[in-house]
Amino acid sequence: MTSPPGGNDDDAAAKPGRLVCARCGTSAEAPQLTWTCSVEHGARRDFCGTCSRENLRAIEGRLDSDWW
């Protein structure tokens, strides 16, 4: 088994963390199937299921979340 440089084969490194919605601040254990992930200006932003549903057209139109 190989590891990335500076990494290790420890299972703790592979465990997912918590997600925090970039819009409303809701948090949940990762992964969440109803959440949406977006990369805006090089930064990853996660959005909860409620915020994702409320802004579906803007997401499909590829608008940055600042425009929602």
PDB file of N, CA and C in Angstrom:
ATOM      1  N   MET A   1       0.849  -1.169   0.000  1.00  0.00           N
ATOM      2  CA  MET A   1       0.000   0.000   0.000  1.00  0.00           C
ATOM      3  C   MET A   1       0.899   1.238   0.000  1.00  0.00           C
ATOM      4  N   THR A   2       0.563   2.204  -0.803  1.00  0.00           N
ATOM      5  CA  THR A   2       1.365   3.422  -0.854  1.00  0.00           C
ATOM      6  C   THR A   2       0.600   4.582  -0.245  1.00  0.00           C
ATOM      7  N   SER A   3       1.342   5.546   0.247  1.00  0.00           N
ATOM      8  CA  SER A   3       0.766   6.742   0.857  1.00  0.00           C
ATOM      9  C   SER A   3       1.280   7.963   0.124  1.00  0.00           C
ATOM     10  N   PRO A   4       0.514   9.053   0.150  1.00  0.00           N
ATOM     11  CA  PRO A   4       1.033  10.280  -0.434  1.00  0.00           C
ATOM     12  C   PRO A   4       2.217  10.785   0.368  1.00  0.00           C
ATOM     13  N   PRO A   5       3.082  11.597  -0.240  1.00  0.00           N
ATOM     14  CA  PRO A   5       4.225  12.125   0.503  1.00  0.00           C
ATOM     15  C   PRO A   5       3.780  12.803   1.794  1.00  0.00           C
ATOM     16  N   GLY A   6       4.428  12.466   2.881  1.00  0.00           N
ATOM     17  CA  GLY A   6       4.093  13.055   4.172  1.00  0.00           C
ATOM     18  C   GLY A   6       2.889  12.411   4.827  1.00  0.00           C
ATOM     19  N   GLY A   7       2.255  11.463   4.145  1.00  0.00           N
ATOM     20  CA  GLY A   7       1.073  10.801   4.691  1.00  0.00           C
ATOM     21  C   GLY A   7       1.450   9.523   5.399  1.00  0.00           C
ATOM     22  N   ASN A   8       0.431   8.821   5.880  1.00  0.00           N
ATOM     23  CA  ASN A   8       0.677   7.533   6.503  1.00  0.00           C
ATOM     24  C   ASN A   8      -0.486   6.617   6.170  1.00  0.00           C
ATOM     25  N   ASP A   9      -0.380   5.370   6.549  1.00  0.00           N
ATOM     26  CA  ASP A   9      -1.420   4.398   6.260  1.00  0.00           C
ATOM     27  C   ASP A   9      -2.406   4.249   7.412  1.00  0.00           C
ATOM     28  N   ASP A  10      -2.412   5.173   8.341  1.00  0.00           N
ATOM     29  CA  ASP A  10      -3.280   5.131   9.510  1.00  0.00           C
ATOM     30  C   ASP A  10      -4.725   5.368   9.097  1.00  0.00           C
ATOM     31  N   ASP A  11      -5.680   4.595   9.630  1.00  0.00           N
ATOM     32  CA  ASP A  11      -7.098   4.768   9.307  1.00  0.00           C
ATOM     33  C   ASP A  11      -7.638   6.114   9.768  1.00  0.00           C
ATOM     34  N   ALA A  12      -7.067   6.715  10.782  1.00  0.00           N
ATOM     35  CA  ALA A  12      -7.556   7.993  11.303  1.00  0.00           C
ATOM     36  C   ALA A  12      -7.449   9.098  10.249  1.00  0.00           C
ATOM     37  N   ALA A  13      -6.468   9.004   9.379  1.00  0.00           N
ATOM     38  CA  ALA A  13      -6.290  10.033   8.353  1.00  0.00           C
ATOM     39  C   ALA A  13      -7.389   9.973   7.298  1.00  0.00           C
ATOM     40  N   ALA A  14      -8.039   8.828   7.132  1.00  0.00           N
ATOM     41  CA  ALA A  14      -9.048   8.666   6.100  1.00  0.00           C
ATOM     42  C   ALA A  14     -10.459   8.961   6.593  1.00  0.00           C
ATOM     43  N   LYS A  15     -10.644   9.176   7.885  1.00  0.00           N
ATOM     44  CA  LYS A  15     -11.988   9.413   8.414  1.00  0.00           C
ATOM     45  C   LYS A  15     -12.470  10.814   8.055  1.00  0.00           C
ATOM     46  N   PRO A  16     -13.723  10.919   7.571  1.00  0.00           N
ATOM     47  CA  PRO A  16     -14.253  12.232   7.221  1.00  0.00           C
ATOM     48  C   PRO A  16     -14.557  13.055   8.467  1.00  0.00           C
ATOM     49  N   GLY A  17     -14.583  14.370   8.308  1.00  0.00           N
ATOM     50  CA  GLY A  17     -14.860  15.261   9.429  1.00  0.00           C
ATOM     51  C   GLY A  17     -16.287  15.765   9.405  1.00  0.00           C
ATOM     52  N   ARG A  18     -16.478  16.962   9.921  1.00  0.00           N
ATOM     53  CA  ARG A  18     -17.790  17.577   9.952  1.00  0.00           C
ATOM     54  C   ARG A  18     -17.929  18.536   8.794  1.00  0.00           C
ATOM     55  N   LEU A  19     -19.139  18.636   8.290  1.00  0.00           N
ATOM     56  CA  LEU A  19     -19.468  19.608   7.259  1.00  0.00           C
ATOM     57  C   LEU A  19     -20.155  20.791   7.913  1.00  0.00           C
ATOM     58  N   VAL A  20     -19.894  21.988   7.423  1.00  0.00           N
ATOM     59  CA  VAL A  20     -20.574  23.193   7.892  1.00  0.00           C
ATOM     60  C   VAL A  20     -21.090  23.914   6.662  1.00  0.00           C
ATOM     61  N   CYS A  21     -22.383  24.214   6.652  1.00  0.00           N
ATOM     62  CA  CYS A  21     -23.000  24.904   5.519  1.00  0.00           C
ATOM     63  C   CYS A  21     -22.440  26.326   5.431  1.00  0.00           C
ATOM     64  N   ALA A  22     -21.948  26.687   4.247  1.00  0.00           N
ATOM     65  CA  ALA A  22     -21.369  28.013   4.041  1.00  0.00           C
ATOM     66  C   ALA A  22     -22.441  29.100   4.011  1.00  0.00           C
ATOM     67  N   ARG A  23     -23.700  28.718   3.884  1.00  0.00           N
ATOM     68  CA  ARG A  23     -24.779  29.698   3.804  1.00  0.00           C
ATOM     69  C   ARG A  23     -25.449  29.931   5.154  1.00  0.00           C
ATOM     70  N   CYS A  24     -25.887  28.854   5.818  1.00  0.00           N
ATOM     71  CA  CYS A  24     -26.671  29.021   7.052  1.00  0.00           C
ATOM     72  C   CYS A  24     -25.929  28.589   8.317  1.00  0.00           C
ATOM     73  N   GLY A  25     -24.796  27.891   8.169  1.00  0.00           N
ATOM     74  CA  GLY A  25     -24.008  27.490   9.328  1.00  0.00           C
ATOM     75  C   GLY A  25     -24.387  26.158   9.947  1.00  0.00           C
ATOM     76  N   THR A  26     -25.367  25.456   9.383  1.00  0.00           N
ATOM     77  CA  THR A  26     -25.748  24.140   9.880  1.00  0.00           C
ATOM     78  C   THR A  26     -24.555  23.200   9.778  1.00  0.00           C
ATOM     79  N   SER A  27     -24.375  22.333  10.765  1.00  0.00           N
ATOM     80  CA  SER A  27     -23.268  21.380  10.703  1.00  0.00           C
ATOM     81  C   SER A  27     -23.798  19.957  10.795  1.00  0.00           C
ATOM     82  N   ALA A  28     -23.029  19.025  10.228  1.00  0.00           N
ATOM     83  CA  ALA A  28     -23.406  17.616  10.228  1.00  0.00           C
ATOM     84  C   ALA A  28     -22.164  16.778  10.014  1.00  0.00           C
ATOM     85  N   GLU A  29     -22.262  15.514  10.386  1.00  0.00           N
ATOM     86  CA  GLU A  29     -21.170  14.577  10.132  1.00  0.00           C
ATOM     87  C   GLU A  29     -21.078  14.310   8.637  1.00  0.00           C
ATOM     88  N   ALA A  30     -19.869  14.266   8.115  1.00  0.00           N
ATOM     89  CA  ALA A  30     -19.661  13.964   6.694  1.00  0.00           C
ATOM     90  C   ALA A  30     -19.639  12.453   6.514  1.00  0.00           C
ATOM     91  N   PRO A  31     -20.016  11.932   5.401  1.00  0.00           N
ATOM     92  CA  PRO A  31     -20.631  12.576   4.249  1.00  0.00           C
ATOM     93  C   PRO A  31     -22.150  12.660   4.393  1.00  0.00           C
ATOM     94  N   GLN A  32     -22.743  13.611   3.728  1.00  0.00           N
ATOM     95  CA  GLN A  32     -24.191  13.773   3.691  1.00  0.00           C
ATOM     96  C   GLN A  32     -24.632  13.732   2.230  1.00  0.00           C
ATOM     97  N   LEU A  33     -25.544  12.837   1.906  1.00  0.00           N
ATOM     98  CA  LEU A  33     -25.956  12.647   0.515  1.00  0.00           C
ATOM     99  C   LEU A  33     -26.732  13.838  -0.043  1.00  0.00           C
ATOM    100  N   THR A  34     -27.402  14.600   0.807  1.00  0.00           N
ATOM    101  CA  THR A  34     -28.225  15.700   0.317  1.00  0.00           C
ATOM    102  C   THR A  34     -27.464  17.014   0.240  1.00  0.00           C
ATOM    103  N   TRP A  35     -26.237  17.050   0.679  1.00  0.00           N
ATOM    104  CA  TRP A  35     -25.447  18.284   0.667  1.00  0.00           C
ATOM    105  C   TRP A  35     -24.795  18.478  -0.697  1.00  0.00           C
ATOM    106  N   THR A  36     -24.473  19.731  -1.016  1.00  0.00           N
ATOM    107  CA  THR A  36     -23.827  20.099  -2.276  1.00  0.00           C
ATOM    108  C   THR A  36     -22.458  20.686  -1.974  1.00  0.00           C
ATOM    109  N   CYS A  37     -21.494  20.344  -2.803  1.00  0.00           N
ATOM    110  CA  CYS A  37     -20.144  20.887  -2.668  1.00  0.00           C
ATOM    111  C   CYS A  37     -19.872  21.791  -3.866  1.00  0.00           C
ATOM    112  N   SER A  38     -19.282  22.945  -3.616  1.00  0.00           N
ATOM    113  CA  SER A  38     -18.943  23.884  -4.664  1.00  0.00           C
ATOM    114  C   SER A  38     -17.522  24.383  -4.443  1.00  0.00           C
ATOM    115  N   VAL A  39     -16.798  24.617  -5.521  1.00  0.00           N
ATOM    116  CA  VAL A  39     -15.472  25.215  -5.434  1.00  0.00           C
ATOM    117  C   VAL A  39     -15.569  26.601  -6.047  1.00  0.00           C
ATOM    118  N   GLU A  40     -15.410  27.613  -5.209  1.00  0.00           N
ATOM    119  CA  GLU A  40     -15.530  29.002  -5.641  1.00  0.00           C
ATOM    120  C   GLU A  40     -14.240  29.737  -5.306  1.00  0.00           C
ATOM    121  N   HIS A  41     -13.622  30.315  -6.306  1.00  0.00           N
ATOM    122  CA  HIS A  41     -12.363  31.056  -6.140  1.00  0.00           C
ATOM    123  C   HIS A  41     -11.306  30.186  -5.454  1.00  0.00           C
ATOM    124  N   GLY A  42     -11.293  28.894  -5.807  1.00  0.00           N
ATOM    125  CA  GLY A  42     -10.294  27.973  -5.285  1.00  0.00           C
ATOM    126  C   GLY A  42     -10.580  27.415  -3.905  1.00  0.00           C
ATOM    127  N   ALA A  43     -11.692  27.789  -3.288  1.00  0.00           N
ATOM    128  CA  ALA A  43     -12.032  27.293  -1.945  1.00  0.00           C
ATOM    129  C   ALA A  43     -13.277  26.406  -2.009  1.00  0.00           C
ATOM    130  N   ARG A  44     -13.227  25.285  -1.292  1.00  0.00           N
ATOM    131  CA  ARG A  44     -14.374  24.379  -1.236  1.00  0.00           C
ATOM    132  C   ARG A  44     -15.422  24.936  -0.283  1.00  0.00           C
ATOM    133  N   ARG A  45     -16.685  24.944  -0.719  1.00  0.00           N
ATOM    134  CA  ARG A  45     -17.796  25.386   0.119  1.00  0.00           C
ATOM    135  C   ARG A  45     -18.867  24.313   0.084  1.00  0.00           C
ATOM    136  N   ASP A  46     -19.377  23.944   1.252  1.00  0.00           N
ATOM    137  CA  ASP A  46     -20.435  22.941   1.360  1.00  0.00           C
ATOM    138  C   ASP A  46     -21.735  23.634   1.717  1.00  0.00           C
ATOM    139  N   PHE A  47     -22.852  23.125   1.150  1.00  0.00           N
ATOM    140  CA  PHE A  47     -24.171  23.684   1.409  1.00  0.00           C
ATOM    141  C   PHE A  47     -25.114  22.562   1.826  1.00  0.00           C
ATOM    142  N   CYS A  48     -25.890  22.804   2.885  1.00  0.00           N
ATOM    143  CA  CYS A  48     -26.810  21.796   3.408  1.00  0.00           C
ATOM    144  C   CYS A  48     -27.922  21.517   2.399  1.00  0.00           C
ATOM    145  N   GLY A  49     -28.673  20.467   2.642  1.00  0.00           N
ATOM    146  CA  GLY A  49     -29.752  20.083   1.744  1.00  0.00           C
ATOM    147  C   GLY A  49     -30.797  21.172   1.582  1.00  0.00           C
ATOM    148  N   THR A  50     -31.142  21.867   2.650  1.00  0.00           N
ATOM    149  CA  THR A  50     -32.149  22.935   2.580  1.00  0.00           C
ATOM    150  C   THR A  50     -31.657  24.087   1.717  1.00  0.00           C
ATOM    151  N   CYS A  51     -30.465  24.574   1.955  1.00  0.00           N
ATOM    152  CA  CYS A  51     -29.915  25.677   1.158  1.00  0.00           C
ATOM    153  C   CYS A  51     -29.727  25.250  -0.296  1.00  0.00           C
ATOM    154  N   SER A  52     -29.331  24.005  -0.512  1.00  0.00           N
ATOM    155  CA  SER A  52     -29.158  23.500  -1.871  1.00  0.00           C
ATOM    156  C   SER A  52     -30.484  23.506  -2.622  1.00  0.00           C
ATOM    157  N   ARG A  53     -31.555  23.019  -1.977  1.00  0.00           N
ATOM    158  CA  ARG A  53     -32.876  22.995  -2.625  1.00  0.00           C
ATOM    159  C   ARG A  53     -33.396  24.397  -2.894  1.00  0.00           C
ATOM    160  N   GLU A  54     -33.226  25.308  -1.924  1.00  0.00           N
ATOM    161  CA  GLU A  54     -33.741  26.668  -2.079  1.00  0.00           C
ATOM    162  C   GLU A  54     -33.024  27.439  -3.185  1.00  0.00           C
ATOM    163  N   ASN A  55     -31.810  27.038  -3.532  1.00  0.00           N
ATOM    164  CA  ASN A  55     -31.015  27.777  -4.516  1.00  0.00           C
ATOM    165  C   ASN A  55     -30.622  26.916  -5.710  1.00  0.00           C
ATOM    166  N   LEU A  56     -31.448  25.917  -6.016  1.00  0.00           N
ATOM    167  CA  LEU A  56     -31.138  24.966  -7.068  1.00  0.00           C
ATOM    168  C   LEU A  56     -30.911  25.637  -8.423  1.00  0.00           C
ATOM    169  N   ARG A  57     -31.743  26.580  -8.806  1.00  0.00           N
ATOM    170  CA  ARG A  57     -31.594  27.229 -10.120  1.00  0.00           C
ATOM    171  C   ARG A  57     -30.287  28.017 -10.210  1.00  0.00           C
ATOM    172  N   ALA A  58     -29.905  28.681  -9.143  1.00  0.00           N
ATOM    173  CA  ALA A  58     -28.642  29.423  -9.138  1.00  0.00           C
ATOM    174  C   ALA A  58     -27.453  28.461  -9.218  1.00  0.00           C
ATOM    175  N   ILE A  59     -27.562  27.322  -8.537  1.00  0.00           N
ATOM    176  CA  ILE A  59     -26.492  26.327  -8.581  1.00  0.00           C
ATOM    177  C   ILE A  59     -26.364  25.773 -10.002  1.00  0.00           C
ATOM    178  N   GLU A  60     -27.492  25.425 -10.626  1.00  0.00           N
ATOM    179  CA  GLU A  60     -27.460  24.899 -11.987  1.00  0.00           C
ATOM    180  C   GLU A  60     -26.957  25.946 -12.977  1.00  0.00           C
ATOM    181  N   GLY A  61     -27.218  27.226 -12.700  1.00  0.00           N
ATOM    182  CA  GLY A  61     -26.741  28.302 -13.552  1.00  0.00           C
ATOM    183  C   GLY A  61     -25.283  28.641 -13.301  1.00  0.00           C
ATOM    184  N   ARG A  62     -24.653  27.926 -12.360  1.00  0.00           N
ATOM    185  CA  ARG A  62     -23.241  28.087 -12.007  1.00  0.00           C
ATOM    186  C   ARG A  62     -22.936  29.480 -11.468  1.00  0.00           C
ATOM    187  N   LEU A  63     -23.894  30.079 -10.789  1.00  0.00           N
ATOM    188  CA  LEU A  63     -23.657  31.370 -10.139  1.00  0.00           C
ATOM    189  C   LEU A  63     -22.926  31.163  -8.833  1.00  0.00           C
ATOM    190  N   ASP A  64     -21.973  32.013  -8.512  1.00  0.00           N
ATOM    191  CA  ASP A  64     -21.321  31.948  -7.213  1.00  0.00           C
ATOM    192  C   ASP A  64     -22.363  32.172  -6.124  1.00  0.00           C
ATOM    193  N   SER A  65     -22.144  31.600  -4.956  1.00  0.00           N
ATOM    194  CA  SER A  65     -23.111  31.714  -3.867  1.00  0.00           C
ATOM    195  C   SER A  65     -23.302  33.156  -3.419  1.00  0.00           C
ATOM    196  N   ASP A  66     -22.359  34.045  -3.730  1.00  0.00           N
ATOM    197  CA  ASP A  66     -22.535  35.462  -3.389  1.00  0.00           C
ATOM    198  C   ASP A  66     -23.759  36.058  -4.099  1.00  0.00           C
ATOM    199  N   TRP A  67     -24.153  35.484  -5.236  1.00  0.00           N
ATOM    200  CA  TRP A  67     -25.287  35.995  -6.004  1.00  0.00           C
ATOM    201  C   TRP A  67     -26.619  35.415  -5.544  1.00  0.00           C
ATOM    202  N   TRP A  68     -26.608  34.395  -4.684  1.00  0.00           N
ATOM    203  CA  TRP A  68     -27.852  33.803  -4.213  1.00  0.00           C
ATOM    204  C   TRP A  68     -28.506  34.798  -3.335  1.00  0.00           C
TER     205      TRP A  68
END
